[in-house]
C-alpha atoms as a PDB file:
ATOM      1  CA  MET A   1       0.000   0.000   0.000  1.00  0.00           C
ATOM      2  CA  LYS A   2       1.378   3.417  -0.921  1.00  0.00           C
ATOM      3  CA  GLU A   3       1.910   5.842   1.867  1.00  0.00           C
ATOM      4  CA  LYS A   4      -0.564   8.708   1.816  1.00  0.00           C
ATOM      5  CA  ARG A   5       1.054  12.039   1.145  1.00  0.00           C
ATOM      6  CA  SER A   6       0.261  14.788   3.602  1.00  0.00           C
ATOM      7  CA  GLN A   7      -1.705  17.692   2.177  1.00  0.00           C
ATOM      8  CA  THR A   8      -0.718  20.093   4.940  1.00  0.00           C
ATOM      9  CA  LYS A   9       1.398  23.101   4.056  1.00  0.00           C
ATOM     10  CA  GLU A  10       4.818  23.690   5.525  1.00  0.00           C
ATOM     11  CA  PRO A  11       4.610  26.097   8.471  1.00  0.00           C
ATOM     12  CA  PRO A  12       6.243  29.479   7.970  1.00  0.00           C
ATOM     13  CA  VAL A  13       9.783  29.927   9.255  1.00  0.00           C
ATOM     14  CA  PHE A  14       9.573  31.265  12.797  1.00  0.00           C
ATOM     15  CA  ASN A  15      11.763  34.282  13.465  1.00  0.00           C
ATOM     16  CA  ARG A  16      12.577  33.615  17.111  1.00  0.00           C
ATOM     17  CA  ARG A  17      14.487  36.775  17.835  1.00  0.00           C
ATOM     18  CA  ALA A  18      11.839  38.940  16.203  1.00  0.00           C
ATOM     19  CA  ALA A  19       9.339  37.295  18.555  1.00  0.00           C
ATOM     20  CA  GLU A  20      11.619  38.256  21.430  1.00  0.00           C
ATOM     21  CA  GLN A  21      11.686  41.804  20.116  1.00  0.00           C
ATOM     22  CA  SER A  22       7.880  41.856  20.384  1.00  0.00           C
ATOM     23  CA  LEU A  23       8.098  40.523  23.945  1.00  0.00           C
ATOM     24  CA  ASN A  24      10.579  43.276  24.737  1.00  0.00           C
ATOM     25  CA  ASP A  25       8.165  45.876  23.341  1.00  0.00           C
ATOM     26  CA  VAL A  26       5.398  44.561  25.579  1.00  0.00           C
ATOM     27  CA  ALA A  27       7.675  44.514  28.634  1.00  0.00           C
ATOM     28  CA  ALA A  28       8.798  48.104  28.004  1.00  0.00           C
ATOM     29  CA  LEU A  29       5.189  49.246  27.643  1.00  0.00           C
ATOM     30  CA  MET A  30       4.105  47.460  30.817  1.00  0.00           C
ATOM     31  CA  ALA A  31       7.012  48.897  32.807  1.00  0.00           C
ATOM     32  CA  ASN A  32       5.574  52.387  32.384  1.00  0.00           C
ATOM     33  CA  HIS A  33       2.218  51.488  33.964  1.00  0.00           C
ATOM     34  CA  GLN A  34       0.988  50.079  37.246  1.00  0.00           C
ATOM     35  CA  PHE A  35      -1.855  47.560  37.243  1.00  0.00           C
ATOM     36  CA  SER A  36      -3.950  46.292  40.121  1.00  0.00           C
ATOM     37  CA  SER A  37      -4.516  42.859  38.544  1.00  0.00           C
ATOM     38  CA  ILE A  38      -3.532  40.576  35.682  1.00  0.00           C
ATOM     39  CA  GLU A  39      -6.976  41.120  34.188  1.00  0.00           C
ATOM     40  CA  GLU A  40      -6.422  44.885  34.115  1.00  0.00           C
ATOM     41  CA  ALA A  41      -3.036  44.393  32.442  1.00  0.00           C
ATOM     42  CA  ASN A  42      -4.524  42.033  29.840  1.00  0.00           C
ATOM     43  CA  THR A  43      -7.306  44.509  29.072  1.00  0.00           C
ATOM     44  CA  PHE A  44      -4.711  47.241  28.606  1.00  0.00           C
ATOM     45  CA  ILE A  45      -2.678  45.119  26.177  1.00  0.00           C
ATOM     46  CA  GLN A  46      -5.764  44.055  24.196  1.00  0.00           C
ATOM     47  CA  ASP A  47      -6.816  47.698  23.877  1.00  0.00           C
ATOM     48  CA  LYS A  48      -3.381  48.621  22.533  1.00  0.00           C
ATOM     49  CA  LEU A  49      -3.509  45.758  20.029  1.00  0.00           C
ATOM     50  CA  ALA A  50      -6.940  46.895  18.848  1.00  0.00           C
ATOM     51  CA  HIS A  51      -5.861  50.509  18.397  1.00  0.00           C
ATOM     52  CA  GLY A  52      -2.623  50.565  16.466  1.00  0.00           C
ATOM     53  CA  GLY A  53      -0.593  47.827  18.138  1.00  0.00           C
ATOM     54  CA  ILE A  54       2.226  47.759  20.664  1.00  0.00           C
ATOM     55  CA  PRO A  55       4.669  50.654  20.136  1.00  0.00           C
ATOM     56  CA  HIS A  56       8.250  49.692  19.452  1.00  0.00           C
ATOM     57  CA  ALA A  57      10.499  50.125  22.488  1.00  0.00           C
ATOM     58  CA  LEU A  58      13.275  52.604  21.827  1.00  0.00           C
ATOM     59  CA  ALA A  59      16.833  51.300  22.051  1.00  0.00           C
ATOM     60  CA  ASN A  60      18.682  53.658  24.389  1.00  0.00           C
ATOM     61  CA  THR A  61      21.860  51.885  25.518  1.00  0.00           C
ATOM     62  CA  PRO A  62      24.656  50.681  23.236  1.00  0.00           C
ATOM     63  CA  LEU A  63      23.718  47.069  24.069  1.00  0.00           C
ATOM     64  CA  GLU A  64      20.062  47.654  23.219  1.00  0.00           C
ATOM     65  CA  LYS A  65      21.088  49.226  19.910  1.00  0.00           C
ATOM     66  CA  ALA A  66      23.408  46.308  19.199  1.00  0.00           C
ATOM     67  CA  GLN A  67      20.617  43.848  19.965  1.00  0.00           C
ATOM     68  CA  GLU A  68      18.376  45.676  17.490  1.00  0.00           C
ATOM     69  CA  LEU A  69      20.987  44.925  14.843  1.00  0.00           C
ATOM     70  CA  MET A  70      20.935  41.266  15.868  1.00  0.00           C
ATOM     71  CA  TYR A  71      17.176  41.126  15.385  1.00  0.00           C
ATOM     72  CA  GLU A  72      17.765  42.502  11.878  1.00  0.00           C
ATOM     73  CA  ALA A  73      20.528  39.939  11.317  1.00  0.00           C
ATOM     74  CA  GLU A  74      18.122  37.077  11.988  1.00  0.00           C
ATOM     75  CA  VAL A  75      16.596  37.470   8.516  1.00  0.00           C
ATOM     76  CA  ALA A  76      19.626  38.897   6.666  1.00  0.00           C
ATOM     77  CA  ASP A  77      21.791  37.087   4.118  1.00  0.00           C
ATOM     78  CA  PRO A  78      25.171  35.783   5.398  1.00  0.00           C
ATOM     79  CA  LYS A  79      27.223  38.719   4.118  1.00  0.00           C
ATOM     80  CA  HIS A  80      24.895  41.294   5.616  1.00  0.00           C
ATOM     81  CA  ARG A  81      24.703  39.310   8.871  1.00  0.00           C
ATOM     82  CA  LEU A  82      28.472  39.579   9.194  1.00  0.00           C
ATOM     83  CA  GLU A  83      28.356  43.328   8.550  1.00  0.00           C
ATOM     84  CA  LEU A  84      25.641  43.756  11.180  1.00  0.00           C
ATOM     85  CA  ALA A  85      27.679  41.745  13.690  1.00  0.00           C
ATOM     86  CA  LYS A  86      30.672  44.033  13.172  1.00  0.00           C
ATOM     87  CA  GLN A  87      28.448  47.091  13.549  1.00  0.00           C
ATOM     88  CA  ALA A  88      27.045  45.687  16.788  1.00  0.00           C
ATOM     89  CA  LEU A  89      30.525  45.067  18.218  1.00  0.00           C
ATOM     90  CA  ALA A  90      31.532  48.610  17.274  1.00  0.00           C
ATOM     91  CA  LEU A  91      28.718  49.750  19.574  1.00  0.00           C
ATOM     92  CA  THR A  92      29.616  47.400  22.435  1.00  0.00           C
ATOM     93  CA  GLN A  93      31.832  44.393  23.054  1.00  0.00           C
ATOM     94  CA  ASP A  94      29.075  42.926  25.246  1.00  0.00           C
ATOM     95  CA  CYS A  95      26.840  41.792  22.357  1.00  0.00           C
ATOM     96  CA  ALA A  96      26.958  38.000  22.667  1.00  0.00           C
ATOM     97  CA  GLU A  97      25.053  37.271  19.487  1.00  0.00           C
ATOM     98  CA  ALA A  98      27.441  39.280  17.341  1.00  0.00           C
ATOM     99  CA  TYR A  99      30.218  36.904  18.379  1.00  0.00           C
ATOM    100  CA  ILE A 100      27.984  33.944  17.540  1.00  0.00           C
ATOM    101  CA  ILE A 101      27.680  35.271  13.983  1.00  0.00           C
ATOM    102  CA  LEU A 102      31.472  35.617  13.785  1.00  0.00           C
ATOM    103  CA  ALA A 103      31.785  32.018  15.000  1.00  0.00           C
ATOM    104  CA  GLU A 104      29.328  30.767  12.401  1.00  0.00           C
ATOM    105  CA  ASN A 105      31.208  32.637   9.685  1.00  0.00           C
ATOM    106  CA  ALA A 106      34.542  31.101  10.762  1.00  0.00           C
ATOM    107  CA  ALA A 107      33.270  27.542  11.243  1.00  0.00           C
ATOM    108  CA  ASP A 108      33.645  26.382   7.635  1.00  0.00           C
ATOM    109  CA  HIS A 109      37.332  27.197   7.378  1.00  0.00           C
ATOM    110  CA  ASP A 110      38.734  27.631  10.905  1.00  0.00           C
ATOM    111  CA  LEU A 111      37.082  25.640  13.695  1.00  0.00           C
ATOM    112  CA  PRO A 112      39.509  26.754  16.441  1.00  0.00           C
ATOM    113  CA  ALA A 113      38.676  30.366  15.559  1.00  0.00           C
ATOM    114  CA  ALA A 114      34.969  29.536  15.706  1.00  0.00           C
ATOM    115  CA  VAL A 115      35.462  28.068  19.183  1.00  0.00           C
ATOM    116  CA  GLU A 116      37.291  31.214  20.297  1.00  0.00           C
ATOM    117  CA  TYR A 117      34.527  33.484  18.974  1.00  0.00           C
ATOM    118  CA  ALA A 118      31.964  31.338  20.771  1.00  0.00           C
ATOM    119  CA  ARG A 119      33.942  31.666  24.018  1.00  0.00           C
ATOM    120  CA  GLN A 120      33.913  35.418  23.531  1.00  0.00           C
ATOM    121  CA  ALA A 121      30.143  35.239  23.001  1.00  0.00           C
ATOM    122  CA  VAL A 122      29.703  33.539  26.373  1.00  0.00           C
ATOM    123  CA  GLN A 123      32.004  36.048  28.069  1.00  0.00           C
ATOM    124  CA  ALA A 124      30.126  38.939  26.468  1.00  0.00           C
ATOM    125  CA  GLY A 125      26.842  37.494  27.701  1.00  0.00           C
ATOM    126  CA  GLU A 126      28.221  37.207  31.228  1.00  0.00           C
ATOM    127  CA  ARG A 127      29.370  40.827  31.174  1.00  0.00           C
ATOM    128  CA  ALA A 128      26.029  42.020  29.856  1.00  0.00           C
ATOM    129  CA  LEU A 129      24.068  40.182  32.543  1.00  0.00           C
ATOM    130  CA  GLY A 130      26.310  41.007  35.499  1.00  0.00           C
ATOM    131  CA  LYS A 131      26.547  38.885  38.651  1.00  0.00           C
ATOM    132  CA  GLU A 132      22.977  39.112  39.919  1.00  0.00           C
ATOM    133  CA  PRO A 133      21.261  36.575  37.606  1.00  0.00           C
ATOM    134  CA  PHE A 134      23.946  33.985  38.388  1.00  0.00           C
ATOM    135  CA  GLU A 135      23.282  34.459  42.096  1.00  0.00           C
ATOM    136  CA  GLU A 136      19.481  34.725  42.071  1.00  0.00           C
ATOM    137  CA  ASP A 137      18.041  33.255  38.868  1.00  0.00           C
ATOM    138  CA  ILE A 138      19.760  29.884  38.365  1.00  0.00           C
ATOM    139  CA  GLY A 139      17.072  27.465  37.258  1.00  0.00           C
ATOM    140  CA  HIS A 140      15.068  30.186  35.547  1.00  0.00           C
ATOM    141  CA  PHE A 141      17.327  31.327  32.720  1.00  0.00           C
ATOM    142  CA  TRP A 142      15.578  31.698  29.360  1.00  0.00           C
ATOM    143  CA  GLY A 143      12.389  32.674  31.158  1.00  0.00           C
ATOM    144  CA  ILE A 144      14.135  36.018  31.626  1.00  0.00           C
ATOM    145  CA  LEU A 145      14.368  37.699  28.231  1.00  0.00           C
ATOM    146  CA  SER A 146      17.751  39.301  28.876  1.00  0.00           C
ATOM    147  CA  THR A 147      19.391  35.888  29.471  1.00  0.00           C
ATOM    148  CA  ARG A 148      18.551  34.481  26.044  1.00  0.00           C
ATOM    149  CA  PRO A 149      21.534  35.830  24.063  1.00  0.00           C
ATOM    150  CA  TYR A 150      23.800  34.343  26.726  1.00  0.00           C
ATOM    151  CA  MET A 151      22.005  30.993  26.586  1.00  0.00           C
ATOM    152  CA  ARG A 152      22.293  30.936  22.791  1.00  0.00           C
ATOM    153  CA  ALA A 153      25.999  31.672  23.179  1.00  0.00           C
ATOM    154  CA  ARG A 154      26.392  28.672  25.491  1.00  0.00           C
ATOM    155  CA  ALA A 155      24.601  26.435  22.987  1.00  0.00           C
ATOM    156  CA  ALA A 156      26.851  27.708  20.196  1.00  0.00           C
ATOM    157  CA  LEU A 157      29.981  27.124  22.273  1.00  0.00           C
ATOM    158  CA  ALA A 158      28.946  23.523  22.990  1.00  0.00           C
ATOM    159  CA  GLU A 159      28.349  22.980  19.274  1.00  0.00           C
ATOM    160  CA  PHE A 160      31.659  24.364  18.050  1.00  0.00           C
ATOM    161  CA  LEU A 161      33.578  22.581  20.809  1.00  0.00           C
ATOM    162  CA  TRP A 162      32.039  19.302  19.676  1.00  0.00           C
ATOM    163  CA  TRP A 163      32.882  19.891  16.040  1.00  0.00           C
ATOM    164  CA  ASN A 164      36.443  20.704  17.123  1.00  0.00           C
ATOM    165  CA  ARG A 165      36.573  17.368  19.014  1.00  0.00           C
ATOM    166  CA  ASN A 166      36.670  19.003  22.437  1.00  0.00           C
ATOM    167  CA  TYR A 167      34.097  16.409  23.474  1.00  0.00           C
ATOM    168  CA  ASP A 168      34.331  16.534  27.265  1.00  0.00           C
ATOM    169  CA  GLU A 169      34.256  20.319  27.426  1.00  0.00           C
ATOM    170  CA  SER A 170      31.312  20.452  25.018  1.00  0.00           C
ATOM    171  CA  ILE A 171      29.365  18.039  27.207  1.00  0.00           C
ATOM    172  CA  GLU A 172      30.192  20.010  30.356  1.00  0.00           C
ATOM    173  CA  VAL A 173      29.011  23.268  28.766  1.00  0.00           C
ATOM    174  CA  SER A 174      25.716  21.610  27.821  1.00  0.00           C
ATOM    175  CA  LYS A 175      25.255  20.128  31.300  1.00  0.00           C
ATOM    176  CA  GLN A 176      25.800  23.511  32.918  1.00  0.00           C
ATOM    177  CA  THR A 177      23.391  25.121  30.444  1.00  0.00           C
ATOM    178  CA  LEU A 178      20.726  22.676  31.605  1.00  0.00           C
ATOM    179  CA  ARG A 179      21.510  23.591  35.201  1.00  0.00           C
ATOM    180  CA  LEU A 180      20.737  27.217  34.403  1.00  0.00           C
ATOM    181  CA  ASN A 181      17.470  26.254  32.680  1.00  0.00           C
ATOM    182  CA  PRO A 182      16.198  22.775  33.629  1.00  0.00           C
ATOM    183  CA  GLY A 183      13.034  23.405  31.602  1.00  0.00           C
ATOM    184  CA  ASP A 184      15.321  23.319  28.545  1.00  0.00           C
ATOM    185  CA  ASN A 185      13.477  25.556  26.102  1.00  0.00           C
ATOM    186  CA  GLN A 186      16.457  25.193  23.749  1.00  0.00           C
ATOM    187  CA  GLY A 187      16.334  21.390  23.414  1.00  0.00           C
ATOM    188  CA  ILE A 188      19.863  20.994  24.791  1.00  0.00           C
ATOM    189  CA  ARG A 189      18.905  17.613  26.302  1.00  0.00           C
ATOM    190  CA  TYR A 190      18.356  15.989  22.910  1.00  0.00           C
ATOM    191  CA  VAL A 191      21.786  16.800  21.542  1.00  0.00           C
ATOM    192  CA  LEU A 192      23.432  16.046  24.876  1.00  0.00           C
ATOM    193  CA  ALA A 193      21.802  12.606  25.060  1.00  0.00           C
ATOM    194  CA  GLN A 194      23.292  11.607  21.701  1.00  0.00           C
ATOM    195  CA  ARG A 195      26.707  12.975  22.519  1.00  0.00           C
ATOM    196  CA  LEU A 196      26.862  11.132  25.831  1.00  0.00           C
ATOM    197  CA  MET A 197      26.048   7.895  24.012  1.00  0.00           C
ATOM    198  CA  THR A 198      28.572   8.624  21.259  1.00  0.00           C
ATOM    199  CA  VAL A 199      31.473   8.929  23.708  1.00  0.00           C
ATOM    200  CA  ASP A 200      30.274   5.997  25.861  1.00  0.00           C
ATOM    201  CA  ARG A 201      29.321   8.061  28.892  1.00  0.00           C
ATOM    202  CA  ASP A 202      26.449   5.712  29.592  1.00  0.00           C
ATOM    203  CA  ASP A 203      26.179   6.519  33.306  1.00  0.00           C
ATOM    204  CA  ASP A 204      25.778  10.203  32.483  1.00  0.00           C
ATOM    205  CA  PHE A 205      23.132   9.306  29.917  1.00  0.00           C
ATOM    206  CA  ALA A 206      21.268   7.257  32.536  1.00  0.00           C
ATOM    207  CA  ALA A 207      21.212  10.286  34.858  1.00  0.00           C
ATOM    208  CA  LEU A 208      19.969  12.531  32.040  1.00  0.00           C
ATOM    209  CA  TYR A 209      17.289   9.986  31.079  1.00  0.00           C
ATOM    210  CA  LYS A 210      16.078   9.823  34.663  1.00  0.00           C
ATOM    211  CA  GLU A 211      15.630  13.584  34.625  1.00  0.00           C
ATOM    212  CA  PHE A 212      13.644  13.555  31.363  1.00  0.00           C
ATOM    213  CA  GLU A 213      12.180  10.026  31.239  1.00  0.00           C
ATOM    214  CA  ASP A 214       8.663  11.333  30.535  1.00  0.00           C
ATOM    215  CA  ASP A 215       9.913  13.348  27.566  1.00  0.00           C
ATOM    216  CA  GLY A 216       8.133  11.226  24.927  1.00  0.00           C
ATOM    217  CA  SER A 217      10.618  11.975  22.128  1.00  0.00           C
ATOM    218  CA  ALA A 218      12.324   9.551  19.759  1.00  0.00           C
ATOM    219  CA  THR A 219      15.682  10.705  21.118  1.00  0.00           C
ATOM    220  CA  PHE A 220      15.081   9.461  24.627  1.00  0.00           C
ATOM    221  CA  ALA A 221      13.063   6.396  23.631  1.00  0.00           C
ATOM    222  CA  TYR A 222      15.641   5.007  21.169  1.00  0.00           C
ATOM    223  CA  SER A 223      18.590   6.081  23.306  1.00  0.00           C
ATOM    224  CA  GLN A 224      17.148   4.267  26.302  1.00  0.00           C
ATOM    225  CA  ALA A 225      16.726   1.131  24.177  1.00  0.00           C
ATOM    226  CA  LEU A 226      20.337   1.397  22.975  1.00  0.00           C
ATOM    227  CA  TRP A 227      21.547   1.998  26.548  1.00  0.00           C
ATOM    228  CA  LEU A 228      19.794  -1.163  27.731  1.00  0.00           C
ATOM    229  CA  PHE A 229      21.188  -3.167  24.797  1.00  0.00           C
ATOM    230  CA  ARG A 230      24.711  -2.021  25.618  1.00  0.00           C
ATOM    231  CA  LYS A 231      24.173  -3.004  29.234  1.00  0.00           C
ATOM    232  CA  GLU A 232      22.250  -6.277  28.851  1.00  0.00           C
ATOM    233  CA  GLY A 233      22.294  -7.321  25.211  1.00  0.00           C
ATOM    234  CA  ALA A 234      18.986  -8.347  23.607  1.00  0.00           C
ATOM    235  CA  SER A 235      17.307  -8.767  26.986  1.00  0.00           C
ATOM    236  CA  PRO A 236      13.533  -8.648  27.547  1.00  0.00           C
ATOM    237  CA  ALA A 237      13.953  -5.136  28.960  1.00  0.00           C
ATOM    238  CA  ALA A 238      15.942  -3.951  25.932  1.00  0.00           C
ATOM    239  CA  ASN A 239      13.473  -5.535  23.507  1.00  0.00           C
ATOM    240  CA  ALA A 240      10.537  -3.945  25.324  1.00  0.00           C
ATOM    241  CA  ALA A 241      12.265  -0.545  25.290  1.00  0.00           C
ATOM    242  CA  LEU A 242      12.870  -0.844  21.544  1.00  0.00           C
ATOM    243  CA  SER A 243       9.221  -1.731  20.962  1.00  0.00           C
ATOM    244  CA  GLU A 244       8.203   1.370  22.905  1.00  0.00           C
ATOM    245  CA  ALA A 245      10.636   3.460  20.880  1.00  0.00           C
ATOM    246  CA  VAL A 246       9.097   2.230  17.615  1.00  0.00           C
ATOM    247  CA  LYS A 247       5.692   3.262  18.947  1.00  0.00           C
ATOM    248  CA  CYS A 248       7.119   6.735  19.589  1.00  0.00           C
ATOM    249  CA  ASN A 249       8.469   7.005  16.038  1.00  0.00           C
ATOM    250  CA  PRO A 250       8.281   4.118  13.538  1.00  0.00           C
ATOM    251  CA  TYR A 251      10.406   5.907  10.912  1.00  0.00           C
ATOM    252  CA  VAL A 252      13.679   5.827  12.840  1.00  0.00           C
ATOM    253  CA  PRO A 253      14.839   2.241  12.008  1.00  0.00           C
ATOM    254  CA  ALA A 254      14.836   2.891   8.254  1.00  0.00           C
ATOM    255  CA  TYR A 255      17.121   5.915   8.652  1.00  0.00           C
ATOM    256  CA  LEU A 256      19.448   4.251  11.149  1.00  0.00           C
ATOM    257  CA  LEU A 257      19.762   1.186   8.902  1.00  0.00           C
ATOM    258  CA  LEU A 258      20.165   3.353   5.776  1.00  0.00           C
ATOM    259  CA  THR A 259      17.308   1.635   3.930  1.00  0.00           C
ATOM    260  CA  ARG A 260      15.819   5.094   3.461  1.00  0.00           C
ATOM    261  CA  LYS A 261      17.968   7.877   2.034  1.00  0.00           C
ATOM    262  CA  MET A 262      18.673  10.939   4.127  1.00  0.00           C
ATOM    263  CA  PRO A 263      17.572  14.265   2.609  1.00  0.00           C
ATOM    264  CA  SER A 264      20.201  16.648   1.268  1.00  0.00           C
ATOM    265  CA  GLN A 265      19.171  19.267   3.832  1.00  0.00           C
ATOM    266  CA  MET A 266      18.128  18.859   7.447  1.00  0.00           C
ATOM    267  CA  PRO A 267      14.485  19.643   8.275  1.00  0.00           C
ATOM    268  CA  GLU A 268      13.819  23.069   9.748  1.00  0.00           C
ATOM    269  CA  HIS A 269      10.948  21.758  11.890  1.00  0.00           C
ATOM    270  CA  TYR A 270       9.576  18.476  13.155  1.00  0.00           C
ATOM    271  CA  GLY A 271       6.721  16.958  15.109  1.00  0.00           C
ATOM    272  CA  ILE A 272       6.790  14.205  17.691  1.00  0.00           C
ATOM    273  CA  GLY A 273       6.542  10.892  15.844  1.00  0.00           C
ATOM    274  CA  ASP A 274       6.979  12.248  12.320  1.00  0.00           C
ATOM    275  CA  ARG A 275       9.573  11.560   9.636  1.00  0.00           C
ATOM    276  CA  ASN A 276      11.480  14.788  10.267  1.00  0.00           C
ATOM    277  CA  GLU A 277      12.007  13.850  13.907  1.00  0.00           C
ATOM    278  CA  ALA A 278      13.395  10.505  12.735  1.00  0.00           C
ATOM    279  CA  ILE A 279      15.819  12.215  10.335  1.00  0.00           C
ATOM    280  CA  ILE A 280      17.106  14.567  13.021  1.00  0.00           C
ATOM    281  CA  TYR A 281      17.488  11.769  15.569  1.00  0.00           C
ATOM    282  CA  ALA A 282      19.219   9.377  13.165  1.00  0.00           C
ATOM    283  CA  THR A 283      21.673  12.049  12.024  1.00  0.00           C
ATOM    284  CA  GLU A 284      22.803  12.640  15.602  1.00  0.00           C
ATOM    285  CA  ALA A 285      22.589   9.017  16.766  1.00  0.00           C
ATOM    286  CA  ILE A 286      23.982   6.934  13.903  1.00  0.00           C
ATOM    287  CA  GLU A 287      27.558   7.032  15.238  1.00  0.00           C
ATOM    288  CA  ALA A 288      26.517   5.750  18.669  1.00  0.00           C
ATOM    289  CA  TRP A 289      24.486   2.920  17.125  1.00  0.00           C
ATOM    290  CA  ALA A 290      27.212   2.008  14.633  1.00  0.00           C
ATOM    291  CA  HIS A 291      29.962   1.621  17.198  1.00  0.00           C
ATOM    292  CA  SER A 292      27.771  -0.300  19.679  1.00  0.00           C
ATOM    293  CA  LYS A 293      28.658  -3.891  18.809  1.00  0.00           C
ATOM    294  CA  GLY A 294      25.665  -5.785  17.437  1.00  0.00           C
ATOM    295  CA  ALA A 295      23.225  -2.906  17.951  1.00  0.00           C
ATOM    296  CA  LEU A 296      22.291  -2.381  14.292  1.00  0.00           C
ATOM    297  CA  LEU A 297      21.870  -6.128  13.734  1.00  0.00           C
ATOM    298  CA  TRP A 298      19.593  -6.237  16.776  1.00  0.00           C
ATOM    299  CA  LEU A 299      17.641  -3.261  15.460  1.00  0.00           C
ATOM    300  CA  ARG A 300      17.228  -4.922  12.055  1.00  0.00           C
ATOM    301  CA  SER A 301      16.108  -8.224  13.558  1.00  0.00           C
ATOM    302  CA  ARG A 302      13.518  -6.544  15.785  1.00  0.00           C
ATOM    303  CA  CYS A 303      12.221  -3.990  13.276  1.00  0.00           C
ATOM    304  CA  ARG A 304      11.989  -5.806   9.925  1.00  0.00           C
ATOM    305  CA  ARG A 305       8.524  -4.475   9.153  1.00  0.00           C
ATOM    306  CA  TRP A 306       9.643  -0.883   9.704  1.00  0.00           C
ATOM    307  CA  VAL A 307      12.910  -0.692   7.764  1.00  0.00           C
ATOM    308  CA  ARG A 308      11.222   0.303   4.486  1.00  0.00           C
ATOM    309  CA  ARG A 309       8.918   2.934   5.952  1.00  0.00           C
END
C-alpha cells in the first residue's frame, strides 16, 4: 500500500528573535504602567492591540542598539549578517550574538577560531548580565528575556567545541546550560543525550534519562533502548524498550539502517513521531548505534517491518 502524502502546508519559518523583540516591546510598555490585577493588564494590552498595536520600544543603551541589529541579522543574508555583527561590536563588546555570527562565519574554514569566537560570546553574555542573575536566577534562565543571548551563546559554544573534538568540554558546557534552565526551552537535552552515548558516557546518559524520562521523544526512547542493549544485550527489557521506541516514532529504524535515504538538507521543523524527527534523531545518533557492537543487527532483527517505511 502506498503511503498517503500529507496535504498540509509547511509552516512558515519562525523568526525567534523577532518574537523576542515583540516581547521586549510589551515589557517596556508594561514597565511604564501600574496595574492592580492581571486582568487589568490584559485589558490594557488588548486595547493597545486593537488601536494601532504595541509601540516599538526605543533602544537607548549601546547594548540595546546592538541587539536591534541582531534582530535585523536574523533574517539577513550571510554577508549582511556579518556586517551587522561588526556594527554591533563597534557599539559594544558585550553583544553575545554578534560573536555567535562571527563564529558561524569562521566555522567552515577555521574551527579553532569559531570556538574562540563562541567563548567570547559567552564572556560577552556574562558581562552584559552582570553577577545578579547567576546568584538569584539559576534554574530560571531563558524565562528572563535578557538571558537568552547568553544561553544561545552557550549552545553555540557547545556545538563548536564538539565539532572541534573538544568532546568533554562540550558536554560540560551543555550540562551547565541545563543547570541554568532545567526546563530546557532550547532542546539541549536531545543533543546532549546523543553525545553522551557517542562517547560511551552511559552513566551520564542514565542520569539525564532519569531527569527527562517522561519526555516522549524519539531521542530518549531510542537512546534508552540502545543503553539497555549495551548493558544487557537483547534482553527482555531492551526488547521492550525498543518496541516502545518504535511506537514513539516508527520511521527511525529505516534511517538508522540506511534503507531510506537521508535528505540533502536537514528539516527546519519536526513533530513528535513524524519523519522529520526521525531524520534529526538518526543524524545525531547513527555514530553511537554504529559503534555499539551488534546494535544495528539487533535493530534490524527486531524492526523488519519498519525498515522500508
